[in-house]
Amino acid sequence: MSYSKHESAIVDEGAKIGDGSRVWHFVHVCAGAEIGRGVSLGQNVFVGNRVKIGDDCKIQNNVSVYDNVYLEEGVFCGPSMVFTNVYNPRSLIERKDQYRDTLIKKGATLGANCTIVCGITVGEFAFVGAGAVVNKDVPAYALMVGVPAKQIGWMSEFGEQLDLPLTGSGEVICQHTGAKYILNGNSISKISLGA
C-alpha cells in the first residue's frame, strides 16, 4: 500500500488511491473511486463510486463526495461542506438515473459549510466563502459569498483578493508570486512574469 490509512477507515476493494495519500479516521472510500496522489481525506469523509479526485486535493472532516462529483488537482474542500448529486430529491421516488455531474476545477477552494448544488462547474482557482450556497456556474478566480452565492470579487492563485472591479478592465500584479492578472469584461486571465 503506497498510501496511509487509519485502522478505522474502510477502503473497498477496487478503489484506486495514489501514492502518498492519507486516509484518516472513519473514512469510507467506495470500490469505484479514483483518488490521486498526495490527497488528504479527513475524518468521517465519504467518497462514492463514481468519483474522481485529482492529485493534492484536501478534503476536510465530515465531507461526502457523492457519485458524479469530479475534483481536479489541488481542490480544497473545507470542513462539513456539502455536495449534492440530485437536483430534486425525494425519498419516495428513485432518481439515481438523474444524477447531475459537478466539476470543481484545478485549485478551487470550497469554504467550510458551503453547499454546491449539483450540475455546475466551479472554475479554476475560484474561492467559495464559508456557508455560501452555489447554484450556478462559477467563473475562474471568482470570489463567491452568500445565499445564494454572488460574486463579490476576484482571487489570486495565492489565495488573496485582487484589487480589481467585478467587470470592465484592469490589471494587477500579485505581490507574492509576481503573476499578472488581467480583467477583460467579466473574466480574468493570468500571465506569469519572468522566472
Protein backbone atom coordinates (compact mmCIF):
# COMPACT_ATOMS: atom_id res chain seq x y z
CA MET A 1 0.00 0.00 0.00
CA SER A 2 1.54 3.29 -1.12
CA TYR A 3 -0.83 5.46 0.93
CA SER A 4 -1.52 5.64 4.66
CA LYS A 5 -4.85 4.52 6.12
CA HIS A 6 -6.12 4.72 9.68
CA GLU A 7 -7.29 1.36 11.05
CA SER A 8 -10.86 2.68 11.41
CA ALA A 9 -11.09 3.64 7.71
CA ILE A 10 -12.80 1.42 5.13
CA VAL A 11 -11.40 1.28 1.61
CA ASP A 12 -13.48 -1.05 -0.55
CA GLU A 13 -11.65 -3.45 -2.83
CA GLY A 14 -11.16 -1.90 -6.25
CA ALA A 15 -10.75 1.71 -5.10
CA LYS A 16 -7.70 3.40 -6.59
CA ILE A 17 -5.71 5.64 -4.25
CA GLY A 18 -2.49 7.35 -5.32
CA ASP A 19 0.92 7.40 -3.67
CA GLY A 20 1.34 9.49 -0.55
CA SER A 21 -2.38 9.97 0.07
CA ARG A 22 -3.68 9.93 3.64
CA VAL A 23 -6.98 8.33 4.69
CA TRP A 24 -7.91 9.37 8.21
CA HIS A 25 -10.34 8.14 10.91
CA PHE A 26 -13.74 6.71 9.90
CA VAL A 27 -13.34 7.42 6.17
CA HIS A 28 -15.21 5.23 3.67
CA VAL A 29 -13.94 5.02 0.09
CA CYS A 30 -16.19 3.04 -2.27
CA ALA A 31 -14.86 0.50 -4.76
CA GLY A 32 -15.17 2.61 -7.91
CA ALA A 33 -13.48 5.76 -6.55
CA GLU A 34 -10.33 7.11 -8.19
CA ILE A 35 -8.17 9.22 -5.90
CA GLY A 36 -4.91 10.85 -6.98
CA ARG A 37 -1.52 11.27 -5.33
CA GLY A 38 -0.94 13.33 -2.17
CA VAL A 39 -4.64 13.58 -1.30
CA SER A 40 -5.79 14.05 2.30
CA LEU A 41 -9.18 12.61 3.29
CA GLY A 42 -10.06 13.97 6.74
CA GLN A 43 -12.05 12.30 9.48
CA ASN A 44 -15.50 10.98 8.51
CA VAL A 45 -15.13 11.61 4.76
CA PHE A 46 -17.22 9.53 2.35
CA VAL A 47 -16.15 9.01 -1.29
CA GLY A 48 -18.68 7.47 -3.69
CA ASN A 49 -18.17 5.02 -6.55
CA ARG A 50 -18.38 7.42 -9.49
CA VAL A 51 -15.97 9.99 -8.08
CA LYS A 52 -12.59 11.21 -9.31
CA ILE A 53 -10.35 13.24 -7.01
CA GLY A 54 -7.21 14.78 -8.52
CA ASP A 55 -3.71 14.96 -7.07
CA ASP A 56 -3.03 17.10 -3.98
CA CYS A 57 -6.67 17.69 -3.01
CA LYS A 58 -7.55 18.29 0.63
CA ILE A 59 -10.96 17.04 1.78
CA GLN A 60 -11.51 18.22 5.33
CA ASN A 61 -13.58 16.49 8.04
CA ASN A 62 -17.23 15.50 7.50
CA VAL A 63 -17.40 15.90 3.70
CA SER A 64 -19.28 13.45 1.48
CA VAL A 65 -18.10 13.37 -2.13
CA TYR A 66 -21.06 11.71 -3.83
CA ASP A 67 -21.31 10.00 -7.23
CA ASN A 68 -20.82 12.26 -10.26
CA VAL A 69 -18.63 14.76 -8.38
CA TYR A 70 -15.24 15.36 -10.01
CA LEU A 71 -12.41 17.29 -8.39
CA GLU A 72 -9.41 18.36 -10.44
CA GLU A 73 -5.91 18.85 -8.99
CA GLY A 74 -5.42 20.88 -5.83
CA VAL A 75 -9.05 21.40 -4.79
CA PHE A 76 -9.68 22.33 -1.13
CA CYS A 77 -12.97 21.19 0.43
CA GLY A 78 -13.50 22.87 3.80
CA PRO A 79 -14.94 21.14 6.87
CA SER A 80 -18.55 19.99 6.56
CA MET A 81 -19.09 21.46 3.09
CA VAL A 82 -21.79 19.73 1.05
CA PHE A 83 -22.04 18.29 -2.46
CA THR A 84 -25.35 17.12 -3.93
CA ASN A 85 -25.99 14.94 -6.97
CA VAL A 86 -29.78 15.02 -7.47
CA TYR A 87 -31.45 18.38 -8.12
CA ASN A 88 -34.92 17.49 -6.79
CA PRO A 89 -34.55 14.54 -4.38
CA ARG A 90 -37.47 12.67 -2.85
CA SER A 91 -37.24 9.64 -0.58
CA LEU A 92 -40.23 8.01 -2.26
CA ILE A 93 -39.00 8.50 -5.86
CA GLU A 94 -35.91 6.76 -7.23
CA ARG A 95 -33.74 9.28 -9.13
CA LYS A 96 -30.33 7.58 -9.37
CA ASP A 97 -30.60 7.85 -13.16
CA GLN A 98 -30.87 11.64 -12.83
CA TYR A 99 -27.53 12.36 -11.14
CA ARG A 100 -26.01 15.60 -12.43
CA ASP A 101 -22.25 15.99 -12.91
CA THR A 102 -20.46 18.53 -10.75
CA LEU A 103 -16.95 19.64 -11.76
CA ILE A 104 -14.62 21.52 -9.43
CA LYS A 105 -11.65 22.76 -11.43
CA LYS A 106 -7.98 23.00 -10.51
CA GLY A 107 -7.04 24.93 -7.38
CA ALA A 108 -10.57 25.94 -6.34
CA THR A 109 -11.42 26.44 -2.65
CA LEU A 110 -14.81 25.45 -1.23
CA GLY A 111 -15.14 27.03 2.21
CA ALA A 112 -16.43 25.40 5.40
CA ASN A 113 -20.16 24.60 5.40
CA CYS A 114 -20.75 25.81 1.84
CA THR A 115 -23.15 23.87 -0.40
CA ILE A 116 -22.52 23.09 -4.06
CA VAL A 117 -25.80 22.32 -5.84
CA CYS A 118 -25.29 19.58 -8.43
CA GLY A 119 -24.84 20.15 -12.14
CA ILE A 120 -22.47 23.11 -12.02
CA THR A 121 -18.82 23.86 -12.70
CA VAL A 122 -16.63 25.84 -10.32
CA GLY A 123 -13.79 27.44 -12.29
CA GLU A 124 -10.05 27.26 -11.73
CA PHE A 125 -8.84 28.88 -8.50
CA ALA A 126 -12.32 30.18 -7.66
CA PHE A 127 -12.96 30.79 -3.96
CA VAL A 128 -16.33 29.95 -2.38
CA GLY A 129 -16.72 31.53 1.05
CA ALA A 130 -17.83 29.69 4.18
CA GLY A 131 -21.56 28.98 4.28
CA ALA A 132 -22.27 30.03 0.68
CA VAL A 133 -24.82 28.17 -1.44
CA VAL A 134 -23.62 27.88 -5.04
CA ASN A 135 -26.41 27.12 -7.53
CA LYS A 136 -24.85 28.24 -10.83
CA ASP A 137 -21.51 28.02 -12.63
CA VAL A 138 -18.64 29.98 -11.06
CA PRO A 139 -16.03 31.75 -13.24
CA ALA A 140 -12.31 31.05 -12.80
CA TYR A 141 -10.76 33.18 -10.00
CA ALA A 142 -14.19 34.40 -8.78
CA LEU A 143 -14.81 35.12 -5.07
CA MET A 144 -18.32 33.94 -4.18
CA VAL A 145 -20.23 34.50 -0.91
CA GLY A 146 -23.78 34.43 0.39
CA VAL A 147 -27.06 32.58 -0.06
CA PRO A 148 -27.50 32.23 -2.96
CA ALA A 149 -23.82 32.85 -3.73
CA LYS A 150 -22.97 36.07 -5.54
CA GLN A 151 -19.62 37.16 -6.88
CA ILE A 152 -18.05 39.97 -4.86
CA GLY A 153 -14.53 39.98 -6.28
CA TRP A 154 -11.61 38.07 -7.74
CA MET A 155 -8.98 35.88 -6.06
CA SER A 156 -5.36 35.19 -6.95
CA GLU A 157 -3.95 31.67 -7.18
CA PHE A 158 -2.09 32.54 -3.98
CA GLY A 159 -5.47 32.90 -2.25
CA GLU A 160 -5.79 36.65 -1.71
CA GLN A 161 -8.38 39.05 -3.06
CA LEU A 162 -7.30 41.00 -6.14
CA ASP A 163 -7.85 44.76 -6.32
CA LEU A 164 -9.96 44.64 -9.48
CA PRO A 165 -13.57 45.63 -10.27
CA LEU A 166 -16.13 42.88 -10.93
CA THR A 167 -16.37 43.81 -14.61
CA GLY A 168 -14.57 46.08 -17.03
CA SER A 169 -10.85 46.17 -17.48
CA GLY A 170 -7.76 46.35 -15.32
CA GLU A 171 -4.67 44.53 -14.26
CA VAL A 172 -2.83 43.84 -11.05
CA ILE A 173 0.37 42.03 -10.08
CA CYS A 174 0.34 39.56 -7.18
CA GLN A 175 2.89 40.72 -4.62
CA HIS A 176 3.57 37.13 -3.55
CA THR A 177 4.13 35.41 -6.90
CA GLY A 178 4.73 38.22 -9.39
CA ALA A 179 1.93 36.90 -11.63
CA LYS A 180 -0.12 39.46 -13.54
CA TYR A 181 -3.93 39.16 -13.54
CA ILE A 182 -5.80 40.90 -16.35
CA LEU A 183 -9.53 41.62 -16.21
CA ASN A 184 -11.23 41.72 -19.59
CA GLY A 185 -15.01 42.19 -19.35
CA ASN A 186 -16.15 39.62 -16.82
CA SER A 187 -13.25 37.17 -16.91
CA ILE A 188 -9.68 37.05 -15.59
CA SER A 189 -6.58 35.72 -17.27
CA LYS A 190 -3.20 35.20 -15.61
CA ILE A 191 0.24 35.86 -17.07
CA SER A 192 3.30 34.56 -15.26
CA LEU A 193 6.07 37.16 -15.35
CA GLY A 194 9.72 36.15 -15.59
CA ALA A 195 11.23 33.28 -13.67
